[in-house]
Amino acid sequence: KSRAGIVLVTPELFTSLNAQGIADKELSALLATDLVIPVAHGT
């Protein structure tokens, strides 16, 4: 239902992505959309 996806990019996100959990699946779905806005915070 979203028109845009915002990914808050933090060191914690890196850890979560490396664990290939829910954040990894969510990011994969977002990357398939037209509008993803990464926001780097603390990295």
All heavy atoms as atom14 arrays in JSON, in Angstrom:
{
  "sequence": "KSRAGIVLVTPELFTSLNAQGIADKELSALLATDLVIPVAHGT",
  "atom14_mask": [
    [1, 1, 1, 1, 1, 1, 1, 1, 1, 0, 0, 0, 0, 0],
    [1, 1, 1, 1, 1, 1, 0, 0, 0, 0, 0, 0, 0, 0],
    [1, 1, 1, 1, 1, 1, 1, 1, 1, 1, 1, 0, 0, 0],
    [1, 1, 1, 1, 1, 0, 0, 0, 0, 0, 0, 0, 0, 0],
    [1, 1, 1, 1, 0, 0, 0, 0, 0, 0, 0, 0, 0, 0],
    [1, 1, 1, 1, 1, 1, 1, 1, 0, 0, 0, 0, 0, 0],
    [1, 1, 1, 1, 1, 1, 1, 0, 0, 0, 0, 0, 0, 0],
    [1, 1, 1, 1, 1, 1, 1, 1, 0, 0, 0, 0, 0, 0],
    [1, 1, 1, 1, 1, 1, 1, 0, 0, 0, 0, 0, 0, 0],
    [1, 1, 1, 1, 1, 1, 1, 0, 0, 0, 0, 0, 0, 0],
    [1, 1, 1, 1, 1, 1, 1, 0, 0, 0, 0, 0, 0, 0],
    [1, 1, 1, 1, 1, 1, 1, 1, 1, 0, 0, 0, 0, 0],
    [1, 1, 1, 1, 1, 1, 1, 1, 0, 0, 0, 0, 0, 0],
    [1, 1, 1, 1, 1, 1, 1, 1, 1, 1, 1, 0, 0, 0],
    [1, 1, 1, 1, 1, 1, 1, 0, 0, 0, 0, 0, 0, 0],
    [1, 1, 1, 1, 1, 1, 0, 0, 0, 0, 0, 0, 0, 0],
    [1, 1, 1, 1, 1, 1, 1, 1, 0, 0, 0, 0, 0, 0],
    [1, 1, 1, 1, 1, 1, 1, 1, 0, 0, 0, 0, 0, 0],
    [1, 1, 1, 1, 1, 0, 0, 0, 0, 0, 0, 0, 0, 0],
    [1, 1, 1, 1, 1, 1, 1, 1, 1, 0, 0, 0, 0, 0],
    [1, 1, 1, 1, 0, 0, 0, 0, 0, 0, 0, 0, 0, 0],
    [1, 1, 1, 1, 1, 1, 1, 1, 0, 0, 0, 0, 0, 0],
    [1, 1, 1, 1, 1, 0, 0, 0, 0, 0, 0, 0, 0, 0],
    [1, 1, 1, 1, 1, 1, 1, 1, 0, 0, 0, 0, 0, 0],
    [1, 1, 1, 1, 1, 1, 1, 1, 1, 0, 0, 0, 0, 0],
    [1, 1, 1, 1, 1, 1, 1, 1, 1, 0, 0, 0, 0, 0],
    [1, 1, 1, 1, 1, 1, 1, 1, 0, 0, 0, 0, 0, 0],
    [1, 1, 1, 1, 1, 1, 0, 0, 0, 0, 0, 0, 0, 0],
    [1, 1, 1, 1, 1, 0, 0, 0, 0, 0, 0, 0, 0, 0],
    [1, 1, 1, 1, 1, 1, 1, 1, 0, 0, 0, 0, 0, 0],
    [1, 1, 1, 1, 1, 1, 1, 1, 0, 0, 0, 0, 0, 0],
    [1, 1, 1, 1, 1, 0, 0, 0, 0, 0, 0, 0, 0, 0],
    [1, 1, 1, 1, 1, 1, 1, 0, 0, 0, 0, 0, 0, 0],
    [1, 1, 1, 1, 1, 1, 1, 1, 0, 0, 0, 0, 0, 0],
    [1, 1, 1, 1, 1, 1, 1, 1, 0, 0, 0, 0, 0, 0],
    [1, 1, 1, 1, 1, 1, 1, 0, 0, 0, 0, 0, 0, 0],
    [1, 1, 1, 1, 1, 1, 1, 1, 0, 0, 0, 0, 0, 0],
    [1, 1, 1, 1, 1, 1, 1, 0, 0, 0, 0, 0, 0, 0],
    [1, 1, 1, 1, 1, 1, 1, 0, 0, 0, 0, 0, 0, 0],
    [1, 1, 1, 1, 1, 0, 0, 0, 0, 0, 0, 0, 0, 0],
    [1, 1, 1, 1, 1, 1, 1, 1, 1, 1, 0, 0, 0, 0],
    [1, 1, 1, 1, 0, 0, 0, 0, 0, 0, 0, 0, 0, 0],
    [1, 1, 1, 1, 1, 1, 1, 0, 0, 0, 0, 0, 0, 0]
  ],
  "atom14_positions": [
    [[0.81, -1.22, 0.0], [0.0, 0.0, 0.0], [0.84, 1.28, 0.0], [0.3, 2.37, -0.01], [-0.92, 0.0, 1.22], [-1.92, -1.13, 1.21], [-2.74, -1.14, 2.47], [-3.68, -2.33, 2.47], [-4.43, -2.41, 3.72], [0.0, 0.0, 0.0], [0.0, 0.0, 0.0], [0.0, 0.0, 0.0], [0.0, 0.0, 0.0], [0.0, 0.0, 0.0]],
    [[2.15, 1.13, 0.0], [3.03, 2.3, 0.12], [3.46, 2.83, -1.23], [3.68, 2.07, -2.17], [4.27, 1.93, 0.93], [3.91, 1.56, 2.23], [0.0, 0.0, 0.0], [0.0, 0.0, 0.0], [0.0, 0.0, 0.0], [0.0, 0.0, 0.0], [0.0, 0.0, 0.0], [0.0, 0.0, 0.0], [0.0, 0.0, 0.0], [0.0, 0.0, 0.0]],
    [[3.56, 4.15, -1.31], [4.06, 4.78, -2.53], [5.57, 4.98, -2.48], [6.21, 5.14, -3.51], [3.4, 6.15, -2.73], [1.93, 6.04, -3.03], [1.35, 7.38, -3.34], [1.73, 8.32, -2.29], [1.64, 9.63, -2.41], [1.17, 10.16, -3.48], [2.01, 10.42, -1.42], [0.0, 0.0, 0.0], [0.0, 0.0, 0.0], [0.0, 0.0, 0.0]],
    [[6.13, 4.99, -1.28], [7.58, 5.17, -1.13], [8.04, 4.38, 0.07], [7.28, 4.17, 1.02], [7.92, 6.65, -0.93], [0.0, 0.0, 0.0], [0.0, 0.0, 0.0], [0.0, 0.0, 0.0], [0.0, 0.0, 0.0], [0.0, 0.0, 0.0], [0.0, 0.0, 0.0], [0.0, 0.0, 0.0], [0.0, 0.0, 0.0], [0.0, 0.0, 0.0]],
    [[9.26, 3.93, 0.01], [9.85, 3.22, 1.12], [11.07, 3.97, 1.61], [11.93, 4.35, 0.81], [0.0, 0.0, 0.0], [0.0, 0.0, 0.0], [0.0, 0.0, 0.0], [0.0, 0.0, 0.0], [0.0, 0.0, 0.0], [0.0, 0.0, 0.0], [0.0, 0.0, 0.0], [0.0, 0.0, 0.0], [0.0, 0.0, 0.0], [0.0, 0.0, 0.0]],
    [[11.12, 4.22, 2.88], [12.26, 4.91, 3.48], [13.06, 3.87, 4.26], [12.51, 3.16, 5.1], [11.8, 6.03, 4.42], [10.98, 7.05, 3.63], [12.99, 6.69, 5.1], [10.14, 7.93, 4.5], [0.0, 0.0, 0.0], [0.0, 0.0, 0.0], [0.0, 0.0, 0.0], [0.0, 0.0, 0.0], [0.0, 0.0, 0.0], [0.0, 0.0, 0.0]],
    [[14.33, 3.79, 3.95], [15.21, 2.86, 4.66], [16.18, 3.7, 5.48], [16.99, 4.43, 4.93], [15.99, 1.95, 3.68], [16.91, 1.02, 4.46], [15.04, 1.17, 2.8], [0.0, 0.0, 0.0], [0.0, 0.0, 0.0], [0.0, 0.0, 0.0], [0.0, 0.0, 0.0], [0.0, 0.0, 0.0], [0.0, 0.0, 0.0], [0.0, 0.0, 0.0]],
    [[16.03, 3.62, 6.8], [16.95, 4.3, 7.68], [18.2, 3.43, 7.79], [18.16, 2.34, 8.36], [16.32, 4.53, 9.05], [17.07, 5.47, 9.98], [17.27, 6.85, 9.34], [16.33, 5.62, 11.3], [0.0, 0.0, 0.0], [0.0, 0.0, 0.0], [0.0, 0.0, 0.0], [0.0, 0.0, 0.0], [0.0, 0.0, 0.0], [0.0, 0.0, 0.0]],
    [[19.26, 3.88, 7.17], [20.51, 3.12, 7.08], [21.37, 3.43, 8.3], [21.87, 4.55, 8.43], [21.26, 3.46, 5.76], [22.56, 2.67, 5.68], [20.37, 3.21, 4.56], [0.0, 0.0, 0.0], [0.0, 0.0, 0.0], [0.0, 0.0, 0.0], [0.0, 0.0, 0.0], [0.0, 0.0, 0.0], [0.0, 0.0, 0.0], [0.0, 0.0, 0.0]],
    [[21.49, 2.45, 9.17], [22.26, 2.6, 10.4], [23.2, 1.4, 10.55], [23.01, 0.38, 9.86], [21.33, 2.63, 11.62], [20.65, 1.36, 11.7], [20.3, 3.75, 11.53], [0.0, 0.0, 0.0], [0.0, 0.0, 0.0], [0.0, 0.0, 0.0], [0.0, 0.0, 0.0], [0.0, 0.0, 0.0], [0.0, 0.0, 0.0], [0.0, 0.0, 0.0]],
    [[24.17, 1.48, 11.44], [25.0, 0.29, 11.69], [24.15, -0.91, 12.13], [24.47, -2.05, 11.77], [25.93, 0.75, 12.82], [26.04, 2.23, 12.61], [24.67, 2.66, 12.15], [0.0, 0.0, 0.0], [0.0, 0.0, 0.0], [0.0, 0.0, 0.0], [0.0, 0.0, 0.0], [0.0, 0.0, 0.0], [0.0, 0.0, 0.0], [0.0, 0.0, 0.0]],
    [[23.07, -0.67, 12.85], [22.19, -1.75, 13.27], [21.53, -2.42, 12.06], [21.3, -3.63, 12.06], [21.12, -1.24, 14.24], [21.66, -0.81, 15.59], [22.27, 0.6, 15.59], [22.14, 1.35, 14.6], [22.9, 0.95, 16.6], [0.0, 0.0, 0.0], [0.0, 0.0, 0.0], [0.0, 0.0, 0.0], [0.0, 0.0, 0.0], [0.0, 0.0, 0.0]],
    [[21.2, -1.64, 11.03], [20.62, -2.21, 9.82], [21.62, -3.16, 9.17], [21.24, -4.24, 8.72], [20.21, -1.12, 8.83], [19.71, -1.65, 7.48], [18.38, -2.38, 7.64], [19.6, -0.53, 6.46], [0.0, 0.0, 0.0], [0.0, 0.0, 0.0], [0.0, 0.0, 0.0], [0.0, 0.0, 0.0], [0.0, 0.0, 0.0], [0.0, 0.0, 0.0]],
    [[22.88, -2.79, 9.13], [23.9, -3.65, 8.53], [23.92, -5.01, 9.24], [23.98, -6.05, 8.6], [25.29, -3.02, 8.6], [25.42, -1.72, 7.83], [26.42, -0.83, 8.16], [24.57, -1.4, 6.79], [26.58, 0.35, 7.46], [24.71, -0.22, 6.09], [25.71, 0.66, 6.42], [0.0, 0.0, 0.0], [0.0, 0.0, 0.0], [0.0, 0.0, 0.0]],
    [[23.89, -4.98, 10.56], [23.89, -6.22, 11.35], [22.66, -7.06, 11.02], [22.75, -8.27, 10.81], [23.92, -5.89, 12.86], [25.09, -5.13, 13.13], [23.9, -7.15, 13.7], [0.0, 0.0, 0.0], [0.0, 0.0, 0.0], [0.0, 0.0, 0.0], [0.0, 0.0, 0.0], [0.0, 0.0, 0.0], [0.0, 0.0, 0.0], [0.0, 0.0, 0.0]],
    [[21.51, -6.39, 10.95], [20.27, -7.08, 10.65], [20.27, -7.69, 9.24], [19.83, -8.81, 9.03], [19.1, -6.11, 10.81], [17.88, -6.77, 10.69], [0.0, 0.0, 0.0], [0.0, 0.0, 0.0], [0.0, 0.0, 0.0], [0.0, 0.0, 0.0], [0.0, 0.0, 0.0], [0.0, 0.0, 0.0], [0.0, 0.0, 0.0], [0.0, 0.0, 0.0]],
    [[20.79, -6.96, 8.27], [20.85, -7.47, 6.9], [21.79, -8.66, 6.8], [21.5, -9.63, 6.09], [21.28, -6.37, 5.93], [20.27, -5.25, 5.69], [20.87, -4.19, 4.78], [18.98, -5.79, 5.12], [0.0, 0.0, 0.0], [0.0, 0.0, 0.0], [0.0, 0.0, 0.0], [0.0, 0.0, 0.0], [0.0, 0.0, 0.0], [0.0, 0.0, 0.0]],
    [[22.9, -8.6, 7.5], [23.85, -9.71, 7.48], [23.27, -10.97, 8.1], [23.64, -12.08, 7.73], [25.15, -9.33, 8.18], [25.99, -8.39, 7.33], [25.92, -8.42, 6.1], [26.77, -7.54, 7.97], [0.0, 0.0, 0.0], [0.0, 0.0, 0.0], [0.0, 0.0, 0.0], [0.0, 0.0, 0.0], [0.0, 0.0, 0.0], [0.0, 0.0, 0.0]],
    [[22.32, -10.81, 9.01], [21.66, -11.96, 9.63], [20.59, -12.55, 8.72], [20.06, -13.63, 9.0], [21.03, -11.54, 10.96], [0.0, 0.0, 0.0], [0.0, 0.0, 0.0], [0.0, 0.0, 0.0], [0.0, 0.0, 0.0], [0.0, 0.0, 0.0], [0.0, 0.0, 0.0], [0.0, 0.0, 0.0], [0.0, 0.0, 0.0], [0.0, 0.0, 0.0]],
    [[20.27, -11.87, 7.63], [19.29, -12.31, 6.64], [17.93, -12.62, 7.26], [17.28, -13.61, 6.93], [19.81, -13.5, 5.84], [21.03, -13.15, 5.03], [21.53, -14.28, 4.17], [21.1, -15.42, 4.3], [22.43, -13.97, 3.27], [0.0, 0.0, 0.0], [0.0, 0.0, 0.0], [0.0, 0.0, 0.0], [0.0, 0.0, 0.0], [0.0, 0.0, 0.0]],
    [[17.49, -11.72, 8.14], [16.19, -11.88, 8.77], [15.12, -11.07, 8.05], [15.14, -10.9, 6.83], [0.0, 0.0, 0.0], [0.0, 0.0, 0.0], [0.0, 0.0, 0.0], [0.0, 0.0, 0.0], [0.0, 0.0, 0.0], [0.0, 0.0, 0.0], [0.0, 0.0, 0.0], [0.0, 0.0, 0.0], [0.0, 0.0, 0.0], [0.0, 0.0, 0.0]],
    [[14.19, -10.56, 8.82], [13.06, -9.82, 8.26], [13.53, -8.56, 7.54], [13.0, -8.21, 6.49], [12.03, -9.5, 9.36], [11.36, -10.8, 9.8], [11.01, -8.49, 8.89], [10.42, -10.66, 10.95], [0.0, 0.0, 0.0], [0.0, 0.0, 0.0], [0.0, 0.0, 0.0], [0.0, 0.0, 0.0], [0.0, 0.0, 0.0], [0.0, 0.0, 0.0]],
    [[14.51, -7.86, 8.09], [14.99, -6.64, 7.44], [15.51, -6.94, 6.03], [15.31, -6.15, 5.1], [16.08, -5.98, 8.28], [0.0, 0.0, 0.0], [0.0, 0.0, 0.0], [0.0, 0.0, 0.0], [0.0, 0.0, 0.0], [0.0, 0.0, 0.0], [0.0, 0.0, 0.0], [0.0, 0.0, 0.0], [0.0, 0.0, 0.0], [0.0, 0.0, 0.0]],
    [[16.15, -8.07, 5.86], [16.67, -8.47, 4.55], [15.52, -8.69, 3.56], [15.57, -8.23, 2.42], [17.5, -9.75, 4.7], [18.19, -10.14, 3.42], [18.96, -9.33, 2.89], [17.93, -11.27, 2.95], [0.0, 0.0, 0.0], [0.0, 0.0, 0.0], [0.0, 0.0, 0.0], [0.0, 0.0, 0.0], [0.0, 0.0, 0.0], [0.0, 0.0, 0.0]],
    [[14.47, -9.34, 4.01], [13.3, -9.58, 3.15], [12.59, -8.28, 2.82], [12.16, -8.05, 1.68], [12.34, -10.55, 3.84], [12.9, -11.96, 3.96], [12.01, -12.82, 4.83], [12.53, -14.21, 5.04], [13.83, -14.29, 5.65], [0.0, 0.0, 0.0], [0.0, 0.0, 0.0], [0.0, 0.0, 0.0], [0.0, 0.0, 0.0], [0.0, 0.0, 0.0]],
    [[12.45, -7.42, 3.81], [11.8, -6.12, 3.6], [12.59, -5.28, 2.6], [12.01, -4.66, 1.71], [11.67, -5.41, 4.95], [10.8, -4.2, 4.92], [10.58, -3.62, 6.32], [11.23, -4.05, 7.29], [9.75, -2.71, 6.42], [0.0, 0.0, 0.0], [0.0, 0.0, 0.0], [0.0, 0.0, 0.0], [0.0, 0.0, 0.0], [0.0, 0.0, 0.0]],
    [[13.91, -5.26, 2.74], [14.73, -4.5, 1.81], [14.61, -5.06, 0.4], [14.52, -4.29, -0.57], [16.19, -4.49, 2.26], [17.16, -3.74, 1.33], [16.74, -2.28, 1.17], [18.58, -3.83, 1.85], [0.0, 0.0, 0.0], [0.0, 0.0, 0.0], [0.0, 0.0, 0.0], [0.0, 0.0, 0.0], [0.0, 0.0, 0.0], [0.0, 0.0, 0.0]],
    [[14.6, -6.36, 0.25], [14.45, -6.98, -1.07], [13.15, -6.53, -1.73], [13.12, -6.19, -2.91], [14.47, -8.5, -0.97], [15.74, -8.94, -0.55], [0.0, 0.0, 0.0], [0.0, 0.0, 0.0], [0.0, 0.0, 0.0], [0.0, 0.0, 0.0], [0.0, 0.0, 0.0], [0.0, 0.0, 0.0], [0.0, 0.0, 0.0], [0.0, 0.0, 0.0]],
    [[12.07, -6.49, -0.96], [10.78, -6.04, -1.5], [10.83, -4.56, -1.88], [10.32, -4.16, -2.93], [9.67, -6.3, -0.49], [0.0, 0.0, 0.0], [0.0, 0.0, 0.0], [0.0, 0.0, 0.0], [0.0, 0.0, 0.0], [0.0, 0.0, 0.0], [0.0, 0.0, 0.0], [0.0, 0.0, 0.0], [0.0, 0.0, 0.0], [0.0, 0.0, 0.0]],
    [[11.46, -3.76, -1.05], [11.56, -2.32, -1.34], [12.38, -2.05, -2.59], [12.04, -1.17, -3.39], [12.17, -1.58, -0.16], [11.24, -1.26, 0.99], [12.04, -0.72, 2.17], [10.18, -0.27, 0.58], [0.0, 0.0, 0.0], [0.0, 0.0, 0.0], [0.0, 0.0, 0.0], [0.0, 0.0, 0.0], [0.0, 0.0, 0.0], [0.0, 0.0, 0.0]],
    [[13.45, -2.79, -2.77], [14.32, -2.58, -3.93], [13.62, -2.9, -5.25], [14.04, -2.43, -6.29], [15.62, -3.37, -3.8], [16.6, -2.83, -2.77], [17.74, -3.82, -2.54], [17.13, -1.47, -3.17], [0.0, 0.0, 0.0], [0.0, 0.0, 0.0], [0.0, 0.0, 0.0], [0.0, 0.0, 0.0], [0.0, 0.0, 0.0], [0.0, 0.0, 0.0]],
    [[12.54, -3.64, -5.18], [11.77, -3.97, -6.38], [10.8, -2.85, -6.75], [10.16, -2.91, -7.8], [11.01, -5.27, -6.18], [0.0, 0.0, 0.0], [0.0, 0.0, 0.0], [0.0, 0.0, 0.0], [0.0, 0.0, 0.0], [0.0, 0.0, 0.0], [0.0, 0.0, 0.0], [0.0, 0.0, 0.0], [0.0, 0.0, 0.0], [0.0, 0.0, 0.0]],
    [[10.68, -1.82, -5.92], [9.76, -0.72, -6.18], [10.47, 0.43, -6.87], [11.69, 0.46, -6.96], [9.11, -0.21, -4.88], [10.12, 0.39, -4.07], [8.44, -1.34, -4.12], [0.0, 0.0, 0.0], [0.0, 0.0, 0.0], [0.0, 0.0, 0.0], [0.0, 0.0, 0.0], [0.0, 0.0, 0.0], [0.0, 0.0, 0.0], [0.0, 0.0, 0.0]],
    [[9.67, 1.4, -7.3], [10.22, 2.55, -8.01], [10.81, 3.61, -7.09], [11.69, 4.35, -7.5], [9.14, 3.22, -8.87], [8.74, 2.35, -10.05], [9.58, 1.57, -10.52], [7.59, 2.47, -10.49], [0.0, 0.0, 0.0], [0.0, 0.0, 0.0], [0.0, 0.0, 0.0], [0.0, 0.0, 0.0], [0.0, 0.0, 0.0], [0.0, 0.0, 0.0]],
    [[10.32, 3.7, -5.87], [10.78, 4.79, -5.01], [11.23, 4.27, -3.65], [10.42, 3.93, -2.79], [9.67, 5.83, -4.82], [10.07, 7.09, -4.07], [11.26, 7.79, -4.71], [8.91, 8.06, -4.0], [0.0, 0.0, 0.0], [0.0, 0.0, 0.0], [0.0, 0.0, 0.0], [0.0, 0.0, 0.0], [0.0, 0.0, 0.0], [0.0, 0.0, 0.0]],
    [[12.53, 4.2, -3.49], [13.14, 3.84, -2.22], [14.08, 4.99, -1.86], [14.92, 5.39, -2.68], [13.94, 2.53, -2.3], [14.61, 2.23, -0.96], [13.07, 1.39, -2.72], [0.0, 0.0, 0.0], [0.0, 0.0, 0.0], [0.0, 0.0, 0.0], [0.0, 0.0, 0.0], [0.0, 0.0, 0.0], [0.0, 0.0, 0.0], [0.0, 0.0, 0.0]],
    [[13.92, 5.5, -0.66], [14.75, 6.61, -0.22], [15.62, 6.14, 0.94], [15.13, 5.98, 2.06], [13.88, 7.8, 0.23], [12.93, 8.22, -0.88], [14.76, 8.96, 0.69], [11.84, 9.19, -0.45], [0.0, 0.0, 0.0], [0.0, 0.0, 0.0], [0.0, 0.0, 0.0], [0.0, 0.0, 0.0], [0.0, 0.0, 0.0], [0.0, 0.0, 0.0]],
    [[16.9, 5.92, 0.68], [17.79, 5.57, 1.8], [18.2, 6.83, 2.56], [18.47, 7.87, 1.95], [18.99, 4.92, 1.12], [18.98, 5.42, -0.28], [17.57, 5.82, -0.61], [0.0, 0.0, 0.0], [0.0, 0.0, 0.0], [0.0, 0.0, 0.0], [0.0, 0.0, 0.0], [0.0, 0.0, 0.0], [0.0, 0.0, 0.0], [0.0, 0.0, 0.0]],
    [[18.2, 6.74, 3.88], [18.63, 7.84, 4.73], [19.75, 7.32, 5.62], [19.52, 6.49, 6.5], [17.47, 8.38, 5.59], [17.96, 9.48, 6.53], [16.32, 8.88, 4.72], [0.0, 0.0, 0.0], [0.0, 0.0, 0.0], [0.0, 0.0, 0.0], [0.0, 0.0, 0.0], [0.0, 0.0, 0.0], [0.0, 0.0, 0.0], [0.0, 0.0, 0.0]],
    [[20.97, 7.77, 5.35], [22.12, 7.34, 6.14], [22.14, 8.11, 7.46], [22.09, 9.34, 7.47], [23.41, 7.59, 5.36], [0.0, 0.0, 0.0], [0.0, 0.0, 0.0], [0.0, 0.0, 0.0], [0.0, 0.0, 0.0], [0.0, 0.0, 0.0], [0.0, 0.0, 0.0], [0.0, 0.0, 0.0], [0.0, 0.0, 0.0], [0.0, 0.0, 0.0]],
    [[22.18, 7.37, 8.56], [22.19, 7.97, 9.89], [23.2, 7.21, 10.75], [23.01, 6.03, 11.04], [20.78, 7.88, 10.5], [20.65, 8.51, 11.84], [20.77, 9.87, 12.04], [20.42, 7.96, 13.06], [20.6, 10.14, 13.32], [20.4, 8.99, 13.96], [0.0, 0.0, 0.0], [0.0, 0.0, 0.0], [0.0, 0.0, 0.0], [0.0, 0.0, 0.0]],
    [[24.26, 7.88, 11.1], [25.3, 7.22, 11.9], [26.23, 6.35, 11.08], [26.99, 5.57, 11.63], [0.0, 0.0, 0.0], [0.0, 0.0, 0.0], [0.0, 0.0, 0.0], [0.0, 0.0, 0.0], [0.0, 0.0, 0.0], [0.0, 0.0, 0.0], [0.0, 0.0, 0.0], [0.0, 0.0, 0.0], [0.0, 0.0, 0.0], [0.0, 0.0, 0.0]],
    [[26.14, 6.48, 9.76], [27.01, 5.74, 8.86], [27.07, 6.49, 7.53], [26.57, 7.6, 7.43], [26.51, 4.28, 8.67], [27.51, 3.54, 7.97], [25.2, 4.23, 7.92], [0.0, 0.0, 0.0], [0.0, 0.0, 0.0], [0.0, 0.0, 0.0], [0.0, 0.0, 0.0], [0.0, 0.0, 0.0], [0.0, 0.0, 0.0], [0.0, 0.0, 0.0]]
  ]
}
